[in-house]
Amino acid sequence: MFPPIASRDSILSDEMHPCTRAYHDVVIYGDAASDDTLYEGPIVVHANGWIELEGDRLLSPQAIHHIDIYDDKD
């Protein structure tokens, strides 16, 4: 689902829902007081709040405290 890191192609495909957002570089935290991360890397955020990780894994919105997004802004 995710293109190579050096790709110039969009990580959003034509088949994705228009409310779906994709990010190349994020860090997901499960709790505010901890520096332990749940995940680092690319994600797809679905309209229903679920987070799709690499390898077609899903992360529930209830498991996430916050997400830091480090994508470069154009």
PDB file of N, CA and C in Angstrom:
ATOM      1  N   MET A   1       0.808  -1.184   0.000  1.00  0.00           N
ATOM      2  CA  MET A   1       0.000   0.000   0.000  1.00  0.00           C
ATOM      3  C   MET A   1       0.852   1.248   0.000  1.00  0.00           C
ATOM      4  N   PHE A   2       2.031   1.207   0.589  1.00  0.00           N
ATOM      5  CA  PHE A   2       2.868   2.387   0.657  1.00  0.00           C
ATOM      6  C   PHE A   2       3.953   2.324  -0.405  1.00  0.00           C
ATOM      7  N   PRO A   3       4.223   3.430  -1.101  1.00  0.00           N
ATOM      8  CA  PRO A   3       5.299   3.444  -2.094  1.00  0.00           C
ATOM      9  C   PRO A   3       6.653   3.518  -1.403  1.00  0.00           C
ATOM     10  N   PRO A   4       7.724   3.310  -2.151  1.00  0.00           N
ATOM     11  CA  PRO A   4       9.059   3.457  -1.558  1.00  0.00           C
ATOM     12  C   PRO A   4       9.259   4.877  -1.034  1.00  0.00           C
ATOM     13  N   ILE A   5      10.147   5.036  -0.078  1.00  0.00           N
ATOM     14  CA  ILE A   5      10.365   6.335   0.555  1.00  0.00           C
ATOM     15  C   ILE A   5      10.840   7.373  -0.459  1.00  0.00           C
ATOM     16  N   ALA A   6      11.612   6.976  -1.452  1.00  0.00           N
ATOM     17  CA  ALA A   6      12.150   7.924  -2.420  1.00  0.00           C
ATOM     18  C   ALA A   6      11.204   8.182  -3.590  1.00  0.00           C
ATOM     19  N   SER A   7      10.026   7.616  -3.565  1.00  0.00           N
ATOM     20  CA  SER A   7       9.081   7.768  -4.672  1.00  0.00           C
ATOM     21  C   SER A   7       8.508   9.180  -4.736  1.00  0.00           C
ATOM     22  N   ARG A   8       8.241   9.660  -5.964  1.00  0.00           N
ATOM     23  CA  ARG A   8       7.577  10.944  -6.152  1.00  0.00           C
ATOM     24  C   ARG A   8       6.073  10.759  -6.326  1.00  0.00           C
ATOM     25  N   ASP A   9       5.607   9.514  -6.323  1.00  0.00           N
ATOM     26  CA  ASP A   9       4.182   9.218  -6.462  1.00  0.00           C
ATOM     27  C   ASP A   9       3.452   9.541  -5.175  1.00  0.00           C
ATOM     28  N   SER A  10       2.186   9.906  -5.305  1.00  0.00           N
ATOM     29  CA  SER A  10       1.353  10.185  -4.145  1.00  0.00           C
ATOM     30  C   SER A  10       1.082   8.893  -3.382  1.00  0.00           C
ATOM     31  N   ILE A  11       0.978   8.977  -2.065  1.00  0.00           N
ATOM     32  CA  ILE A  11       0.638   7.786  -1.296  1.00  0.00           C
ATOM     33  C   ILE A  11      -0.865   7.575  -1.254  1.00  0.00           C
ATOM     34  N   LEU A  12      -1.630   8.520  -1.802  1.00  0.00           N
ATOM     35  CA  LEU A  12      -3.080   8.353  -1.938  1.00  0.00           C
ATOM     36  C   LEU A  12      -3.376   7.774  -3.309  1.00  0.00           C
ATOM     37  N   SER A  13      -4.119   6.683  -3.339  1.00  0.00           N
ATOM     38  CA  SER A  13      -4.497   6.103  -4.616  1.00  0.00           C
ATOM     39  C   SER A  13      -5.884   6.594  -5.013  1.00  0.00           C
ATOM     40  N   ASP A  14      -6.257   6.350  -6.255  1.00  0.00           N
ATOM     41  CA  ASP A  14      -7.560   6.783  -6.758  1.00  0.00           C
ATOM     42  C   ASP A  14      -8.716   6.080  -6.057  1.00  0.00           C
ATOM     43  N   GLU A  15      -8.460   4.918  -5.503  1.00  0.00           N
ATOM     44  CA  GLU A  15      -9.528   4.148  -4.868  1.00  0.00           C
ATOM     45  C   GLU A  15      -9.809   4.570  -3.423  1.00  0.00           C
ATOM     46  N   MET A  16      -9.011   5.469  -2.860  1.00  0.00           N
ATOM     47  CA  MET A  16      -9.197   5.892  -1.471  1.00  0.00           C
ATOM     48  C   MET A  16     -10.370   6.847  -1.341  1.00  0.00           C
ATOM     49  N   HIS A  17     -11.003   6.800  -0.216  1.00  0.00           N
ATOM     50  CA  HIS A  17     -12.112   7.698   0.117  1.00  0.00           C
ATOM     51  C   HIS A  17     -11.583   9.129   0.188  1.00  0.00           C
ATOM     52  N   PRO A  18     -12.350  10.120  -0.261  1.00  0.00           N
ATOM     53  CA  PRO A  18     -11.841  11.502  -0.248  1.00  0.00           C
ATOM     54  C   PRO A  18     -11.524  12.047   1.146  1.00  0.00           C
ATOM     55  N   CYS A  19     -12.080  11.472   2.191  1.00  0.00           N
ATOM     56  CA  CYS A  19     -11.797  11.931   3.564  1.00  0.00           C
ATOM     57  C   CYS A  19     -10.585  11.227   4.164  1.00  0.00           C
ATOM     58  N   THR A  20      -9.979  10.317   3.435  1.00  0.00           N
ATOM     59  CA  THR A  20      -8.813   9.589   3.906  1.00  0.00           C
ATOM     60  C   THR A  20      -7.576  10.461   3.743  1.00  0.00           C
ATOM     61  N   ARG A  21      -6.723  10.461   4.768  1.00  0.00           N
ATOM     62  CA  ARG A  21      -5.472  11.245   4.734  1.00  0.00           C
ATOM     63  C   ARG A  21      -4.298  10.286   4.893  1.00  0.00           C
ATOM     64  N   ALA A  22      -3.233  10.551   4.201  1.00  0.00           N
ATOM     65  CA  ALA A  22      -2.031   9.725   4.294  1.00  0.00           C
ATOM     66  C   ALA A  22      -0.847  10.608   4.697  1.00  0.00           C
ATOM     67  N   TYR A  23       0.027  10.059   5.525  1.00  0.00           N
ATOM     68  CA  TYR A  23       1.209  10.766   5.993  1.00  0.00           C
ATOM     69  C   TYR A  23       2.418   9.846   5.859  1.00  0.00           C
ATOM     70  N   HIS A  24       3.559  10.418   5.480  1.00  0.00           N
ATOM     71  CA  HIS A  24       4.775   9.633   5.272  1.00  0.00           C
ATOM     72  C   HIS A  24       5.571   9.400   6.547  1.00  0.00           C
ATOM     73  N   ASP A  25       5.578  10.372   7.446  1.00  0.00           N
ATOM     74  CA  ASP A  25       6.470  10.302   8.602  1.00  0.00           C
ATOM     75  C   ASP A  25       5.738  10.763   9.860  1.00  0.00           C
ATOM     76  N   VAL A  26       5.316   9.812  10.687  1.00  0.00           N
ATOM     77  CA  VAL A  26       4.606  10.135  11.927  1.00  0.00           C
ATOM     78  C   VAL A  26       5.160   9.307  13.078  1.00  0.00           C
ATOM     79  N   VAL A  27       4.871   9.769  14.292  1.00  0.00           N
ATOM     80  CA  VAL A  27       5.138   8.995  15.512  1.00  0.00           C
ATOM     81  C   VAL A  27       3.832   8.960  16.286  1.00  0.00           C
ATOM     82  N   ILE A  28       3.389   7.755  16.666  1.00  0.00           N
ATOM     83  CA  ILE A  28       2.134   7.575  17.390  1.00  0.00           C
ATOM     84  C   ILE A  28       2.440   7.208  18.837  1.00  0.00           C
ATOM     85  N   TYR A  29       1.809   7.930  19.766  1.00  0.00           N
ATOM     86  CA  TYR A  29       1.983   7.694  21.207  1.00  0.00           C
ATOM     87  C   TYR A  29       0.691   7.172  21.809  1.00  0.00           C
ATOM     88  N   GLY A  30       0.819   6.268  22.766  1.00  0.00           N
ATOM     89  CA  GLY A  30      -0.348   5.686  23.411  1.00  0.00           C
ATOM     90  C   GLY A  30      -0.705   6.356  24.722  1.00  0.00           C
ATOM     91  N   ASP A  31       0.176   7.227  25.222  1.00  0.00           N
ATOM     92  CA  ASP A  31      -0.081   7.852  26.511  1.00  0.00           C
ATOM     93  C   ASP A  31       0.718   9.140  26.641  1.00  0.00           C
ATOM     94  N   ALA A  32       0.140  10.109  27.289  1.00  0.00           N
ATOM     95  CA  ALA A  32       0.735  11.453  27.359  1.00  0.00           C
ATOM     96  C   ALA A  32       1.994  11.488  28.227  1.00  0.00           C
ATOM     97  N   ALA A  33       2.052  10.680  29.268  1.00  0.00           N
ATOM     98  CA  ALA A  33       3.157  10.750  30.222  1.00  0.00           C
ATOM     99  C   ALA A  33       4.365   9.920  29.801  1.00  0.00           C
ATOM    100  N   SER A  34       4.234   9.126  28.766  1.00  0.00           N
ATOM    101  CA  SER A  34       5.295   8.211  28.384  1.00  0.00           C
ATOM    102  C   SER A  34       5.957   8.654  27.079  1.00  0.00           C
ATOM    103  N   ASP A  35       7.248   8.383  26.974  1.00  0.00           N
ATOM    104  CA  ASP A  35       7.958   8.629  25.728  1.00  0.00           C
ATOM    105  C   ASP A  35       7.977   7.394  24.839  1.00  0.00           C
ATOM    106  N   ASP A  36       7.330   6.324  25.292  1.00  0.00           N
ATOM    107  CA  ASP A  36       7.274   5.102  24.498  1.00  0.00           C
ATOM    108  C   ASP A  36       6.338   5.302  23.312  1.00  0.00           C
ATOM    109  N   THR A  37       6.801   4.906  22.154  1.00  0.00           N
ATOM    110  CA  THR A  37       5.992   5.058  20.952  1.00  0.00           C
ATOM    111  C   THR A  37       5.295   3.746  20.613  1.00  0.00           C
ATOM    112  N   LEU A  38       4.107   3.871  20.038  1.00  0.00           N
ATOM    113  CA  LEU A  38       3.393   2.697  19.542  1.00  0.00           C
ATOM    114  C   LEU A  38       3.846   2.351  18.136  1.00  0.00           C
ATOM    115  N   TYR A  39       4.185   3.391  17.355  1.00  0.00           N
ATOM    116  CA  TYR A  39       4.521   3.173  15.953  1.00  0.00           C
ATOM    117  C   TYR A  39       5.251   4.393  15.409  1.00  0.00           C
ATOM    118  N   GLU A  40       6.175   4.165  14.470  1.00  0.00           N
ATOM    119  CA  GLU A  40       6.847   5.233  13.732  1.00  0.00           C
ATOM    120  C   GLU A  40       6.873   4.839  12.267  1.00  0.00           C
ATOM    121  N   GLY A  41       6.491   5.770  11.390  1.00  0.00           N
ATOM    122  CA  GLY A  41       6.526   5.498   9.959  1.00  0.00           C
ATOM    123  C   GLY A  41       5.316   6.060   9.250  1.00  0.00           C
ATOM    124  N   PRO A  42       5.012   5.546   8.047  1.00  0.00           N
ATOM    125  CA  PRO A  42       3.873   6.054   7.276  1.00  0.00           C
ATOM    126  C   PRO A  42       2.551   5.477   7.777  1.00  0.00           C
ATOM    127  N   ILE A  43       1.486   6.271   7.655  1.00  0.00           N
ATOM    128  CA  ILE A  43       0.151   5.817   8.049  1.00  0.00           C
ATOM    129  C   ILE A  43      -0.883   6.337   7.058  1.00  0.00           C
ATOM    130  N   VAL A  44      -2.048   5.718   7.107  1.00  0.00           N
ATOM    131  CA  VAL A  44      -3.238   6.216   6.418  1.00  0.00           C
ATOM    132  C   VAL A  44      -4.313   6.369   7.484  1.00  0.00           C
ATOM    133  N   VAL A  45      -4.897   7.569   7.569  1.00  0.00           N
ATOM    134  CA  VAL A  45      -5.961   7.838   8.538  1.00  0.00           C
ATOM    135  C   VAL A  45      -7.283   7.744   7.795  1.00  0.00           C
ATOM    136  N   HIS A  46      -8.119   6.806   8.205  1.00  0.00           N
ATOM    137  CA  HIS A  46      -9.414   6.603   7.559  1.00  0.00           C
ATOM    138  C   HIS A  46     -10.465   7.514   8.182  1.00  0.00           C
ATOM    139  N   ALA A  47     -11.532   7.764   7.441  1.00  0.00           N
ATOM    140  CA  ALA A  47     -12.590   8.675   7.873  1.00  0.00           C
ATOM    141  C   ALA A  47     -13.235   8.238   9.185  1.00  0.00           C
ATOM    142  N   ASN A  48     -13.218   6.944   9.488  1.00  0.00           N
ATOM    143  CA  ASN A  48     -13.823   6.454  10.722  1.00  0.00           C
ATOM    144  C   ASN A  48     -12.866   6.539  11.922  1.00  0.00           C
ATOM    145  N   GLY A  49     -11.649   7.081  11.712  1.00  0.00           N
ATOM    146  CA  GLY A  49     -10.707   7.263  12.806  1.00  0.00           C
ATOM    147  C   GLY A  49      -9.655   6.177  12.932  1.00  0.00           C
ATOM    148  N   TRP A  50      -9.859   5.049  12.282  1.00  0.00           N
ATOM    149  CA  TRP A  50      -8.879   3.972  12.364  1.00  0.00           C
ATOM    150  C   TRP A  50      -7.631   4.355  11.592  1.00  0.00           C
ATOM    151  N   ILE A  51      -6.469   3.912  12.107  1.00  0.00           N
ATOM    152  CA  ILE A  51      -5.177   4.204  11.517  1.00  0.00           C
ATOM    153  C   ILE A  51      -4.654   2.935  10.860  1.00  0.00           C
ATOM    154  N   GLU A  52      -4.326   3.033   9.577  1.00  0.00           N
ATOM    155  CA  GLU A  52      -3.750   1.895   8.866  1.00  0.00           C
ATOM    156  C   GLU A  52      -2.241   2.036   8.854  1.00  0.00           C
ATOM    157  N   LEU A  53      -1.557   0.986   9.333  1.00  0.00           N
ATOM    158  CA  LEU A  53      -0.102   0.964   9.400  1.00  0.00           C
ATOM    159  C   LEU A  53       0.443   0.119   8.253  1.00  0.00           C
ATOM    160  N   GLU A  54       1.743   0.114   8.100  1.00  0.00           N
ATOM    161  CA  GLU A  54       2.364  -0.751   7.097  1.00  0.00           C
ATOM    162  C   GLU A  54       2.010  -2.196   7.393  1.00  0.00           C
ATOM    163  N   GLY A  55       1.950  -3.007   6.360  1.00  0.00           N
ATOM    164  CA  GLY A  55       1.636  -4.419   6.537  1.00  0.00           C
ATOM    165  C   GLY A  55       0.156  -4.665   6.726  1.00  0.00           C
ATOM    166  N   ASP A  56      -0.684  -3.710   6.320  1.00  0.00           N
ATOM    167  CA  ASP A  56      -2.148  -3.834   6.421  1.00  0.00           C
ATOM    168  C   ASP A  56      -2.622  -4.076   7.851  1.00  0.00           C
ATOM    169  N   ARG A  57      -1.921  -3.493   8.821  1.00  0.00           N
ATOM    170  CA  ARG A  57      -2.356  -3.559  10.216  1.00  0.00           C
ATOM    171  C   ARG A  57      -3.179  -2.322  10.531  1.00  0.00           C
ATOM    172  N   LEU A  58      -4.140  -2.455  11.440  1.00  0.00           N
ATOM    173  CA  LEU A  58      -4.986  -1.337  11.848  1.00  0.00           C
ATOM    174  C   LEU A  58      -4.780  -1.039  13.321  1.00  0.00           C
ATOM    175  N   LEU A  59      -4.850   0.242  13.667  1.00  0.00           N
ATOM    176  CA  LEU A  59      -4.719   0.685  15.045  1.00  0.00           C
ATOM    177  C   LEU A  59      -5.984   1.432  15.426  1.00  0.00           C
ATOM    178  N   SER A  60      -6.603   1.016  16.513  1.00  0.00           N
ATOM    179  CA  SER A  60      -7.846   1.617  16.979  1.00  0.00           C
ATOM    180  C   SER A  60      -7.620   3.043  17.460  1.00  0.00           C
ATOM    181  N   PRO A  61      -8.570   3.952  17.201  1.00  0.00           N
ATOM    182  CA  PRO A  61      -8.432   5.320  17.709  1.00  0.00           C
ATOM    183  C   PRO A  61      -8.386   5.380  19.236  1.00  0.00           C
ATOM    184  N   GLN A  62      -8.976   4.415  19.927  1.00  0.00           N
ATOM    185  CA  GLN A  62      -8.966   4.401  21.394  1.00  0.00           C
ATOM    186  C   GLN A  62      -7.590   4.065  21.959  1.00  0.00           C
ATOM    187  N   ALA A  63      -6.727   3.460  21.154  1.00  0.00           N
ATOM    188  CA  ALA A  63      -5.391   3.088  21.624  1.00  0.00           C
ATOM    189  C   ALA A  63      -4.395   4.236  21.508  1.00  0.00           C
ATOM    190  N   ILE A  64      -4.792   5.322  20.850  1.00  0.00           N
ATOM    191  CA  ILE A  64      -3.878   6.408  20.541  1.00  0.00           C
ATOM    192  C   ILE A  64      -4.142   7.615  21.425  1.00  0.00           C
ATOM    193  N   HIS A  65      -3.080   8.176  22.016  1.00  0.00           N
ATOM    194  CA  HIS A  65      -3.218   9.434  22.743  1.00  0.00           C
ATOM    195  C   HIS A  65      -3.017  10.605  21.792  1.00  0.00           C
ATOM    196  N   HIS A  66      -1.911  10.579  21.039  1.00  0.00           N
ATOM    197  CA  HIS A  66      -1.679  11.623  20.043  1.00  0.00           C
ATOM    198  C   HIS A  66      -0.710  11.138  18.973  1.00  0.00           C
ATOM    199  N   ILE A  67      -0.694  11.882  17.858  1.00  0.00           N
ATOM    200  CA  ILE A  67       0.171  11.582  16.733  1.00  0.00           C
ATOM    201  C   ILE A  67       0.961  12.834  16.389  1.00  0.00           C
ATOM    202  N   ASP A  68       2.289  12.706  16.310  1.00  0.00           N
ATOM    203  CA  ASP A  68       3.138  13.792  15.833  1.00  0.00           C
ATOM    204  C   ASP A  68       3.415  13.546  14.354  1.00  0.00           C
ATOM    205  N   ILE A  69       3.145  14.544  13.508  1.00  0.00           N
ATOM    206  CA  ILE A  69       3.327  14.434  12.068  1.00  0.00           C
ATOM    207  C   ILE A  69       4.569  15.231  11.679  1.00  0.00           C
ATOM    208  N   TYR A  70       5.492  14.583  10.992  1.00  0.00           N
ATOM    209  CA  TYR A  70       6.753  15.223  10.605  1.00  0.00           C
ATOM    210  C   TYR A  70       6.890  15.357   9.101  1.00  0.00           C
ATOM    211  N   ASP A  71       5.817  15.215   8.341  1.00  0.00           N
ATOM    212  CA  ASP A  71       5.885  15.394   6.896  1.00  0.00           C
ATOM    213  C   ASP A  71       6.337  16.799   6.572  1.00  0.00           C
ATOM    214  N   ASP A  72       7.121  16.935   5.518  1.00  0.00           N
ATOM    215  CA  ASP A  72       7.549  18.262   5.069  1.00  0.00           C
ATOM    216  C   ASP A  72       6.349  18.989   4.499  1.00  0.00           C
ATOM    217  N   LYS A  73       6.222  20.254   4.834  1.00  0.00           N
ATOM    218  CA  LYS A  73       5.125  21.063   4.321  1.00  0.00           C
ATOM    219  C   LYS A  73       5.597  21.755   3.066  1.00  0.00           C
ATOM    220  N   ASP A  74       4.781  21.661   2.006  1.00  0.00           N
ATOM    221  CA  ASP A  74       5.118  22.314   0.728  1.00  0.00           C
ATOM    222  C   ASP A  74       4.585  23.710   0.698  1.00  0.00           C
TER     223      ASP A  74
END
